[in-house]
Structure formats: structure tokens, C-alpha cells
């Protein structure tokens, strides 16, 4: 891709980013749910759960999320941490995500908050063993390691059982986790900008069928499979356009895919 082509592509992506990053976009996006809460822990939990069921038709995602968070009462964090929380059954919440899966997340979150005090601390934990020298200070967190730790800790809280709703970062694109991380790390007005220990420059693109299709049509992605390697390839291409915040273009690619 020539310099002129890169410049033209960046202008196009920036145009779509500005269009889809307006605050009004929240009304039609599952990101609206963590925005409803003021508490840090409530926002963390809501971000991960809303992202977990963010697949399929958007109107159905929003309807399912409304039902899920109504089960959790006024504070998702209080719901997670209270041993006397409301009992839930086995009904479907969203497609293949059932009330039993919500119980899994409740147990996992309670374990993670008890051990790490925040989900941000959990995702930052893989950096704790690095040496305190100039080279390590410049080293970006490997968020794939952080995702693996999150998945393992959630399983540990559930008797070693892994759930299909938390993808394996060894090979998967981990679209849902990357989406939650985008919401929590990137600054507003749309995203939350809640986590300060992870720079937006470390994020990866939440890759799904629509984003992958648009990225390939623009020449940003050559790999045919929507897997981890494709996420890394696409993110690196977008870093060449915006090194400090490549995940901003997730909004642009999504907007172009749905004609927002």
C-alpha cells in the first residue's frame, strides 16, 4: 500500500470513527449497560457480561442484556459478592448463554475480586514479575497472557471447569474479551476509560465476521480465518495508522459493516 493509499484509508477510517464514536451511538449498543452504573466494580462486571452476550442481532442482544441485568438487581457487584443473592434457574438468557452460565460468571467474579480486588489488577498481574529496568518499563503488557489468566482464574473458581463463553487465547480471536477491554481501557465519550494501568496502544481489535469482512475489503487483513493470528495482523496494520490507539478503528470498521 502506497503512502497516498494509506493516507486516504486513514481519512476514511477517521471519518467513520467520528461518525460512530458519538455519544448517541450508545443508545443502540450494549456498551450502554456499563454506562448505567457509577461504581467501578459494577462497570467492570457489566462490561464483561454485556460483551459476553454481544453476538447476533443487536436488538436481541439489548433485550437479553436487559433481562440479565434485571436478575442482578441494582448493583451487579453486590449481586456477585453476596452469598445470599437471588437464586436463578436454568432459563436461556441469550441464545446459548443460560442462567447457569451467569452462575458460572458470578462464582468466577467473586473469586477474582476476593483475590485481586479488581479485574484491572487481574489483567495487570502478568506484568508483576518483570524486572525493573529501562527495557521492561517500555515493554507493553501481553494482553493474551492476561486473557489466559482471566480464563484460568474463572475456571478455578468453578471447580476447574472451562466455559465456552470465555474463549481460549492460545488460538482464538477472543472477540468478546477484547471488546470488554476496549470498553474499559479506551477513553470516552463512548468507551469508559476506566482502567489506567493499560494503555489503549496495547489493545487488540475485537474481530468478528463483520469487522473481518470490512477489513479484508479495505486491504487491511489478508488472513482468511478470524483467529488470533488475524487479530494480531489487523491490529498491527491499524497501529501503522494510529500507534497510540489502534482499537479506535474497531468502531469505524463496525460502522462501515452495518452502515451506521
C-alpha atoms as a PDB file:
ATOM      1  CA  UNK A   1       0.000   0.000   0.000  1.00  0.00           C
ATOM      2  CA  UNK A   2       1.437   3.369  -1.077  1.00  0.00           C
ATOM      3  CA  UNK A   3       1.743   6.409   1.180  1.00  0.00           C
ATOM      4  CA  UNK A   4      -1.155   8.085  -0.633  1.00  0.00           C
ATOM      5  CA  UNK A   5      -3.304   4.982  -0.262  1.00  0.00           C
ATOM      6  CA  UNK A   6      -2.517   4.820   3.474  1.00  0.00           C
ATOM      7  CA  UNK A   7      -3.398   8.482   3.872  1.00  0.00           C
ATOM      8  CA  UNK A   8      -6.672   8.019   2.008  1.00  0.00           C
ATOM      9  CA  UNK A   9      -7.560   4.942   4.058  1.00  0.00           C
ATOM     10  CA  UNK A  10      -6.793   6.717   7.330  1.00  0.00           C
ATOM     11  CA  UNK A  11      -9.076   9.614   6.342  1.00  0.00           C
ATOM     12  CA  UNK A  12     -11.858   7.173   5.526  1.00  0.00           C
ATOM     13  CA  UNK A  13     -11.473   5.292   8.804  1.00  0.00           C
ATOM     14  CA  UNK A  14     -11.268   8.529  10.812  1.00  0.00           C
ATOM     15  CA  UNK A  15     -14.463   9.736   9.146  1.00  0.00           C
ATOM     16  CA  UNK A  16     -16.318   6.596  10.137  1.00  0.00           C
ATOM     17  CA  UNK A  17     -14.787   6.648  13.615  1.00  0.00           C
ATOM     18  CA  UNK A  18     -16.076  10.179  14.192  1.00  0.00           C
ATOM     19  CA  UNK A  19     -19.490   9.064  12.989  1.00  0.00           C
ATOM     20  CA  UNK A  20     -19.778   6.016  15.246  1.00  0.00           C
ATOM     21  CA  UNK A  21     -17.993   7.375  18.335  1.00  0.00           C
ATOM     22  CA  UNK A  22     -20.686   9.967  19.050  1.00  0.00           C
ATOM     23  CA  UNK A  23     -22.388   9.605  22.424  1.00  0.00           C
ATOM     24  CA  UNK A  24     -25.726   8.942  20.697  1.00  0.00           C
ATOM     25  CA  UNK A  25     -24.330   5.628  19.411  1.00  0.00           C
ATOM     26  CA  UNK A  26     -24.510   4.223  22.966  1.00  0.00           C
ATOM     27  CA  UNK A  27     -28.309   4.008  22.757  1.00  0.00           C
ATOM     28  CA  UNK A  28     -28.078   1.243  20.163  1.00  0.00           C
ATOM     29  CA  UNK A  29     -25.017  -0.563  21.542  1.00  0.00           C
ATOM     30  CA  UNK A  30     -24.574  -2.988  24.502  1.00  0.00           C
ATOM     31  CA  UNK A  31     -21.978  -0.544  25.831  1.00  0.00           C
ATOM     32  CA  UNK A  32     -24.962   1.375  27.215  1.00  0.00           C
ATOM     33  CA  UNK A  33     -25.208  -1.084  30.116  1.00  0.00           C
ATOM     34  CA  UNK A  34     -21.905  -0.364  31.926  1.00  0.00           C
ATOM     35  CA  UNK A  35     -22.637   3.337  31.359  1.00  0.00           C
ATOM     36  CA  UNK A  36     -25.711   2.964  33.563  1.00  0.00           C
ATOM     37  CA  UNK A  37     -23.617   2.400  36.686  1.00  0.00           C
ATOM     38  CA  UNK A  38     -21.403   4.748  38.662  1.00  0.00           C
ATOM     39  CA  UNK A  39     -19.460   2.171  40.684  1.00  0.00           C
ATOM     40  CA  UNK A  40     -16.160   0.924  39.314  1.00  0.00           C
ATOM     41  CA  UNK A  41     -16.836  -2.736  40.090  1.00  0.00           C
ATOM     42  CA  UNK A  42     -20.370  -2.546  38.699  1.00  0.00           C
ATOM     43  CA  UNK A  43     -18.986  -1.185  35.442  1.00  0.00           C
ATOM     44  CA  UNK A  44     -16.272  -3.847  35.200  1.00  0.00           C
ATOM     45  CA  UNK A  45     -18.701  -6.718  35.730  1.00  0.00           C
ATOM     46  CA  UNK A  46     -21.331  -5.253  33.425  1.00  0.00           C
ATOM     47  CA  UNK A  47     -18.772  -4.656  30.673  1.00  0.00           C
ATOM     48  CA  UNK A  48     -17.607  -8.276  30.672  1.00  0.00           C
ATOM     49  CA  UNK A  49     -21.124  -9.720  30.824  1.00  0.00           C
ATOM     50  CA  UNK A  50     -22.555  -7.402  28.156  1.00  0.00           C
ATOM     51  CA  UNK A  51     -19.608  -8.177  25.864  1.00  0.00           C
ATOM     52  CA  UNK A  52     -20.031 -11.904  26.531  1.00  0.00           C
ATOM     53  CA  UNK A  53     -23.522 -11.944  25.003  1.00  0.00           C
ATOM     54  CA  UNK A  54     -22.727  -9.415  22.250  1.00  0.00           C
ATOM     55  CA  UNK A  55     -23.309 -11.612  19.228  1.00  0.00           C
ATOM     56  CA  UNK A  56     -26.257 -11.875  16.868  1.00  0.00           C
ATOM     57  CA  UNK A  57     -28.928  -9.251  16.202  1.00  0.00           C
ATOM     58  CA  UNK A  58     -28.348  -6.062  18.158  1.00  0.00           C
ATOM     59  CA  UNK A  59     -31.982  -5.642  19.216  1.00  0.00           C
ATOM     60  CA  UNK A  60     -31.965  -9.158  20.669  1.00  0.00           C
ATOM     61  CA  UNK A  61     -28.630  -8.537  22.416  1.00  0.00           C
ATOM     62  CA  UNK A  62     -30.068  -5.453  24.104  1.00  0.00           C
ATOM     63  CA  UNK A  63     -33.243  -7.279  25.125  1.00  0.00           C
ATOM     64  CA  UNK A  64     -31.248 -10.186  26.560  1.00  0.00           C
ATOM     65  CA  UNK A  65     -28.907  -7.838  28.437  1.00  0.00           C
ATOM     66  CA  UNK A  66     -31.884  -6.036  29.984  1.00  0.00           C
ATOM     67  CA  UNK A  67     -33.145  -9.351  31.305  1.00  0.00           C
ATOM     68  CA  UNK A  68     -29.736 -10.470  32.559  1.00  0.00           C
ATOM     69  CA  UNK A  69     -29.008  -7.306  34.495  1.00  0.00           C
ATOM     70  CA  UNK A  70     -32.522  -7.238  35.948  1.00  0.00           C
ATOM     71  CA  UNK A  71     -31.667 -10.592  37.542  1.00  0.00           C
ATOM     72  CA  UNK A  72     -28.666  -8.957  39.236  1.00  0.00           C
ATOM     73  CA  UNK A  73     -30.561  -6.116  40.939  1.00  0.00           C
ATOM     74  CA  UNK A  74     -29.312  -2.572  41.466  1.00  0.00           C
ATOM     75  CA  UNK A  75     -25.634  -3.497  41.835  1.00  0.00           C
ATOM     76  CA  UNK A  76     -24.008  -6.317  39.831  1.00  0.00           C
ATOM     77  CA  UNK A  77     -21.045  -6.191  42.226  1.00  0.00           C
ATOM     78  CA  UNK A  78     -23.272  -6.660  45.286  1.00  0.00           C
ATOM     79  CA  UNK A  79     -25.004  -9.484  43.469  1.00  0.00           C
ATOM     80  CA  UNK A  80     -21.671 -11.184  42.758  1.00  0.00           C
ATOM     81  CA  UNK A  81     -20.233 -10.760  46.240  1.00  0.00           C
ATOM     82  CA  UNK A  82     -23.344 -11.543  48.305  1.00  0.00           C
ATOM     83  CA  UNK A  83     -23.670 -15.144  49.438  1.00  0.00           C
ATOM     84  CA  UNK A  84     -27.405 -14.603  49.860  1.00  0.00           C
ATOM     85  CA  UNK A  85     -28.019 -13.322  46.352  1.00  0.00           C
ATOM     86  CA  UNK A  86     -31.176 -14.128  44.447  1.00  0.00           C
ATOM     87  CA  UNK A  87     -31.393 -17.704  43.209  1.00  0.00           C
ATOM     88  CA  UNK A  88     -31.542 -18.162  39.466  1.00  0.00           C
ATOM     89  CA  UNK A  89     -32.689 -21.129  37.446  1.00  0.00           C
ATOM     90  CA  UNK A  90     -31.756 -22.658  34.121  1.00  0.00           C
ATOM     91  CA  UNK A  91     -33.586 -20.495  31.583  1.00  0.00           C
ATOM     92  CA  UNK A  92     -31.917 -19.089  28.484  1.00  0.00           C
ATOM     93  CA  UNK A  93     -30.671 -15.505  28.736  1.00  0.00           C
ATOM     94  CA  UNK A  94     -29.265 -15.071  25.233  1.00  0.00           C
ATOM     95  CA  UNK A  95     -29.137 -17.861  22.671  1.00  0.00           C
ATOM     96  CA  UNK A  96     -26.636 -20.385  24.165  1.00  0.00           C
ATOM     97  CA  UNK A  97     -25.964 -18.286  27.285  1.00  0.00           C
ATOM     98  CA  UNK A  98     -28.138 -19.604  30.121  1.00  0.00           C
ATOM     99  CA  UNK A  99     -28.781 -18.677  33.735  1.00  0.00           C
ATOM    100  CA  UNK A 100     -26.369 -21.484  34.634  1.00  0.00           C
ATOM    101  CA  UNK A 101     -23.679 -19.559  32.719  1.00  0.00           C
ATOM    102  CA  UNK A 102     -24.484 -16.445  34.746  1.00  0.00           C
ATOM    103  CA  UNK A 103     -23.929 -18.521  37.886  1.00  0.00           C
ATOM    104  CA  UNK A 104     -20.536 -19.540  36.477  1.00  0.00           C
ATOM    105  CA  UNK A 105     -19.557 -15.900  35.968  1.00  0.00           C
ATOM    106  CA  UNK A 106     -20.869 -14.942  39.409  1.00  0.00           C
ATOM    107  CA  UNK A 107     -18.651 -17.544  41.084  1.00  0.00           C
ATOM    108  CA  UNK A 108     -15.696 -16.554  38.935  1.00  0.00           C
ATOM    109  CA  UNK A 109     -16.036 -12.838  39.544  1.00  0.00           C
ATOM    110  CA  UNK A 110     -16.397 -13.345  43.297  1.00  0.00           C
ATOM    111  CA  UNK A 111     -13.174 -15.376  43.320  1.00  0.00           C
ATOM    112  CA  UNK A 112     -11.337 -12.788  41.205  1.00  0.00           C
ATOM    113  CA  UNK A 113     -12.421  -9.838  43.346  1.00  0.00           C
ATOM    114  CA  UNK A 114     -11.522 -11.659  46.530  1.00  0.00           C
ATOM    115  CA  UNK A 115      -8.044 -12.486  45.196  1.00  0.00           C
ATOM    116  CA  UNK A 116      -7.205  -9.353  43.155  1.00  0.00           C
ATOM    117  CA  UNK A 117      -9.628  -6.692  44.491  1.00  0.00           C
ATOM    118  CA  UNK A 118     -10.324  -5.534  40.912  1.00  0.00           C
ATOM    119  CA  UNK A 119     -10.476  -7.037  37.443  1.00  0.00           C
ATOM    120  CA  UNK A 120      -7.981  -4.417  36.306  1.00  0.00           C
ATOM    121  CA  UNK A 121      -5.469  -5.768  38.831  1.00  0.00           C
ATOM    122  CA  UNK A 122      -6.041  -9.272  37.492  1.00  0.00           C
ATOM    123  CA  UNK A 123      -5.304  -8.235  33.909  1.00  0.00           C
ATOM    124  CA  UNK A 124      -2.211  -6.308  35.053  1.00  0.00           C
ATOM    125  CA  UNK A 125      -0.935  -9.235  37.149  1.00  0.00           C
ATOM    126  CA  UNK A 126       1.100 -10.918  34.346  1.00  0.00           C
ATOM    127  CA  UNK A 127       3.419  -7.885  34.439  1.00  0.00           C
ATOM    128  CA  UNK A 128       4.219  -8.196  38.132  1.00  0.00           C
ATOM    129  CA  UNK A 129       7.270 -10.409  37.592  1.00  0.00           C
ATOM    130  CA  UNK A 130       9.083  -8.172  35.109  1.00  0.00           C
ATOM    131  CA  UNK A 131      12.429  -6.678  36.015  1.00  0.00           C
ATOM    132  CA  UNK A 132      12.572  -3.034  36.988  1.00  0.00           C
ATOM    133  CA  UNK A 133      14.895  -1.817  34.240  1.00  0.00           C
ATOM    134  CA  UNK A 134      14.616   0.565  31.307  1.00  0.00           C
ATOM    135  CA  UNK A 135      13.818  -2.171  28.792  1.00  0.00           C
ATOM    136  CA  UNK A 136      10.977  -3.621  30.834  1.00  0.00           C
ATOM    137  CA  UNK A 137       9.491  -0.198  31.527  1.00  0.00           C
ATOM    138  CA  UNK A 138       8.998   0.195  27.775  1.00  0.00           C
ATOM    139  CA  UNK A 139       7.583  -3.294  27.327  1.00  0.00           C
ATOM    140  CA  UNK A 140       3.890  -3.464  26.512  1.00  0.00           C
ATOM    141  CA  UNK A 141       1.719  -5.828  28.548  1.00  0.00           C
ATOM    142  CA  UNK A 142       0.987  -9.047  26.721  1.00  0.00           C
ATOM    143  CA  UNK A 143      -2.785  -8.981  26.958  1.00  0.00           C
ATOM    144  CA  UNK A 144      -3.001 -12.527  25.623  1.00  0.00           C
ATOM    145  CA  UNK A 145      -1.315 -13.667  28.843  1.00  0.00           C
ATOM    146  CA  UNK A 146      -3.773 -11.528  30.784  1.00  0.00           C
ATOM    147  CA  UNK A 147      -6.706 -13.103  28.961  1.00  0.00           C
ATOM    148  CA  UNK A 148      -5.350 -16.567  29.702  1.00  0.00           C
ATOM    149  CA  UNK A 149      -5.021 -15.719  33.389  1.00  0.00           C
ATOM    150  CA  UNK A 150      -8.600 -14.433  33.481  1.00  0.00           C
ATOM    151  CA  UNK A 151      -9.886 -17.600  31.822  1.00  0.00           C
ATOM    152  CA  UNK A 152      -7.915 -19.825  34.181  1.00  0.00           C
ATOM    153  CA  UNK A 153      -8.996 -17.974  37.325  1.00  0.00           C
ATOM    154  CA  UNK A 154     -12.651 -18.113  36.280  1.00  0.00           C
ATOM    155  CA  UNK A 155     -12.293 -21.870  35.754  1.00  0.00           C
ATOM    156  CA  UNK A 156     -10.519 -22.313  39.078  1.00  0.00           C
ATOM    157  CA  UNK A 157     -13.499 -20.730  40.823  1.00  0.00           C
ATOM    158  CA  UNK A 158     -15.772 -23.258  39.120  1.00  0.00           C
ATOM    159  CA  UNK A 159     -14.016 -26.476  40.037  1.00  0.00           C
ATOM    160  CA  UNK A 160     -11.619 -26.367  37.088  1.00  0.00           C
ATOM    161  CA  UNK A 161     -14.416 -26.220  34.532  1.00  0.00           C
ATOM    162  CA  UNK A 162     -13.827 -24.037  31.474  1.00  0.00           C
ATOM    163  CA  UNK A 163     -16.780 -22.393  29.770  1.00  0.00           C
ATOM    164  CA  UNK A 164     -17.257 -21.928  26.034  1.00  0.00           C
ATOM    165  CA  UNK A 165     -18.240 -18.329  26.788  1.00  0.00           C
ATOM    166  CA  UNK A 166     -14.631 -17.412  27.665  1.00  0.00           C
ATOM    167  CA  UNK A 167     -12.516 -18.210  24.626  1.00  0.00           C
ATOM    168  CA  UNK A 168      -9.041 -19.754  24.784  1.00  0.00           C
ATOM    169  CA  UNK A 169      -6.486 -17.050  23.888  1.00  0.00           C
ATOM    170  CA  UNK A 170      -3.991 -19.678  22.742  1.00  0.00           C
ATOM    171  CA  UNK A 171      -5.638 -19.581  19.327  1.00  0.00           C
ATOM    172  CA  UNK A 172      -8.988 -17.794  19.463  1.00  0.00           C
ATOM    173  CA  UNK A 173      -9.625 -14.211  18.393  1.00  0.00           C
ATOM    174  CA  UNK A 174     -11.198 -13.665  21.845  1.00  0.00           C
ATOM    175  CA  UNK A 175     -13.587 -11.126  20.363  1.00  0.00           C
ATOM    176  CA  UNK A 176     -15.726 -10.784  23.494  1.00  0.00           C
ATOM    177  CA  UNK A 177     -12.834 -10.265  25.904  1.00  0.00           C
ATOM    178  CA  UNK A 178     -11.161  -7.808  23.540  1.00  0.00           C
ATOM    179  CA  UNK A 179     -14.444  -5.928  23.255  1.00  0.00           C
ATOM    180  CA  UNK A 180     -14.758  -5.652  27.035  1.00  0.00           C
ATOM    181  CA  UNK A 181     -11.132  -4.486  27.235  1.00  0.00           C
ATOM    182  CA  UNK A 182     -11.776  -1.827  24.593  1.00  0.00           C
ATOM    183  CA  UNK A 183     -14.710  -0.519  26.600  1.00  0.00           C
ATOM    184  CA  UNK A 184     -12.778  -0.478  29.875  1.00  0.00           C
ATOM    185  CA  UNK A 185      -9.467   0.925  28.615  1.00  0.00           C
ATOM    186  CA  UNK A 186     -10.233   3.407  25.832  1.00  0.00           C
ATOM    187  CA  UNK A 187     -11.249   6.938  26.895  1.00  0.00           C
ATOM    188  CA  UNK A 188     -14.727   8.385  26.268  1.00  0.00           C
ATOM    189  CA  UNK A 189     -17.077   9.768  25.256  1.00  0.00           C
ATOM    190  CA  UNK A 190     -18.197   6.353  24.035  1.00  0.00           C
ATOM    191  CA  UNK A 191     -15.838   3.961  25.829  1.00  0.00           C
ATOM    192  CA  UNK A 192     -15.410   4.047  29.600  1.00  0.00           C
ATOM    193  CA  UNK A 193     -11.698   4.824  30.068  1.00  0.00           C
ATOM    194  CA  UNK A 194     -11.935   3.156  33.470  1.00  0.00           C
ATOM    195  CA  UNK A 195      -8.621   1.292  33.540  1.00  0.00           C
ATOM    196  CA  UNK A 196      -5.493   3.432  33.729  1.00  0.00           C
ATOM    197  CA  UNK A 197      -2.780   0.766  34.080  1.00  0.00           C
ATOM    198  CA  UNK A 198      -3.260  -0.459  30.496  1.00  0.00           C
ATOM    199  CA  UNK A 199      -2.618   1.908  27.603  1.00  0.00           C
ATOM    200  CA  UNK A 200      -5.033   1.964  24.631  1.00  0.00           C
ATOM    201  CA  UNK A 201      -1.978   1.259  22.458  1.00  0.00           C
ATOM    202  CA  UNK A 202      -1.844  -2.267  23.943  1.00  0.00           C
ATOM    203  CA  UNK A 203      -5.369  -3.235  22.884  1.00  0.00           C
ATOM    204  CA  UNK A 204      -6.309  -5.665  20.131  1.00  0.00           C
ATOM    205  CA  UNK A 205      -9.190  -5.362  17.685  1.00  0.00           C
ATOM    206  CA  UNK A 206     -12.357  -7.281  18.665  1.00  0.00           C
ATOM    207  CA  UNK A 207     -12.566  -9.331  15.473  1.00  0.00           C
ATOM    208  CA  UNK A 208     -15.845 -10.834  14.273  1.00  0.00           C
ATOM    209  CA  UNK A 209     -17.304 -11.736  10.870  1.00  0.00           C
ATOM    210  CA  UNK A 210     -18.414  -8.193  10.033  1.00  0.00           C
ATOM    211  CA  UNK A 211     -15.184  -6.470  11.073  1.00  0.00           C
ATOM    212  CA  UNK A 212     -13.127  -9.138   9.294  1.00  0.00           C
ATOM    213  CA  UNK A 213     -15.129  -8.773   6.089  1.00  0.00           C
ATOM    214  CA  UNK A 214     -14.743  -4.991   6.005  1.00  0.00           C
ATOM    215  CA  UNK A 215     -11.033  -5.163   6.928  1.00  0.00           C
ATOM    216  CA  UNK A 216     -10.361  -7.555   4.039  1.00  0.00           C
ATOM    217  CA  UNK A 217     -12.294  -5.401   1.585  1.00  0.00           C
ATOM    218  CA  UNK A 218     -10.057  -2.468   2.574  1.00  0.00           C
ATOM    219  CA  UNK A 219      -6.848  -4.477   2.219  1.00  0.00           C
ATOM    220  CA  UNK A 220      -6.133  -4.336   5.955  1.00  0.00           C
ATOM    221  CA  UNK A 221      -6.337  -8.081   6.509  1.00  0.00           C
ATOM    222  CA  UNK A 222      -5.109 -10.924   4.296  1.00  0.00           C
ATOM    223  CA  UNK A 223      -5.568 -13.917   6.591  1.00  0.00           C
ATOM    224  CA  UNK A 224      -8.808 -15.748   5.797  1.00  0.00           C
ATOM    225  CA  UNK A 225      -9.512 -17.191   9.244  1.00  0.00           C
ATOM    226  CA  UNK A 226     -10.853 -14.955  12.019  1.00  0.00           C
ATOM    227  CA  UNK A 227      -8.440 -16.287  14.617  1.00  0.00           C
ATOM    228  CA  UNK A 228      -5.738 -14.931  16.916  1.00  0.00           C
ATOM    229  CA  UNK A 229      -3.239 -14.502  14.081  1.00  0.00           C
ATOM    230  CA  UNK A 230      -5.788 -12.455  12.160  1.00  0.00           C
ATOM    231  CA  UNK A 231      -6.386 -10.220  15.192  1.00  0.00           C
ATOM    232  CA  UNK A 232      -2.657  -9.579  15.540  1.00  0.00           C
ATOM    233  CA  UNK A 233      -2.264  -8.936  11.800  1.00  0.00           C
ATOM    234  CA  UNK A 234      -5.175  -6.484  11.669  1.00  0.00           C
ATOM    235  CA  UNK A 235      -4.154  -4.682  14.845  1.00  0.00           C
ATOM    236  CA  UNK A 236      -0.606  -4.215  13.566  1.00  0.00           C
ATOM    237  CA  UNK A 237      -1.917  -2.728  10.314  1.00  0.00           C
ATOM    238  CA  UNK A 238      -4.128  -0.320  12.240  1.00  0.00           C
ATOM    239  CA  UNK A 239      -1.225   0.613  14.518  1.00  0.00           C
ATOM    240  CA  UNK A 240       0.558   1.937  11.454  1.00  0.00           C
ATOM    241  CA  UNK A 241      -2.348   4.377  11.076  1.00  0.00           C
ATOM    242  CA  UNK A 242      -2.794   5.205  14.767  1.00  0.00           C
ATOM    243  CA  UNK A 243       0.000   3.825  17.003  1.00  0.00           C
ATOM    244  CA  UNK A 244      -1.449   5.191  20.238  1.00  0.00           C
ATOM    245  CA  UNK A 245      -4.986   3.879  19.799  1.00  0.00           C
ATOM    246  CA  UNK A 246      -5.441   1.235  17.073  1.00  0.00           C
ATOM    247  CA  UNK A 247      -8.636  -0.152  18.639  1.00  0.00           C
ATOM    248  CA  UNK A 248     -10.454   3.107  17.879  1.00  0.00           C
ATOM    249  CA  UNK A 249     -10.885   1.761  14.372  1.00  0.00           C
ATOM    250  CA  UNK A 250     -12.994  -1.102  15.665  1.00  0.00           C
ATOM    251  CA  UNK A 251     -15.784   1.481  15.763  1.00  0.00           C
ATOM    252  CA  UNK A 252     -15.046   2.568  12.196  1.00  0.00           C
ATOM    253  CA  UNK A 253     -14.933  -0.965  10.777  1.00  0.00           C
ATOM    254  CA  UNK A 254     -18.091  -1.912  12.641  1.00  0.00           C
ATOM    255  CA  UNK A 255     -19.877   1.216  11.426  1.00  0.00           C
ATOM    256  CA  UNK A 256     -18.861   0.562   7.839  1.00  0.00           C
ATOM    257  CA  UNK A 257     -20.075  -3.035   8.146  1.00  0.00           C
ATOM    258  CA  UNK A 258     -23.576  -2.131   9.346  1.00  0.00           C
ATOM    259  CA  UNK A 259     -23.864   1.176   7.503  1.00  0.00           C
ATOM    260  CA  UNK A 260     -24.314   3.113  10.729  1.00  0.00           C
END
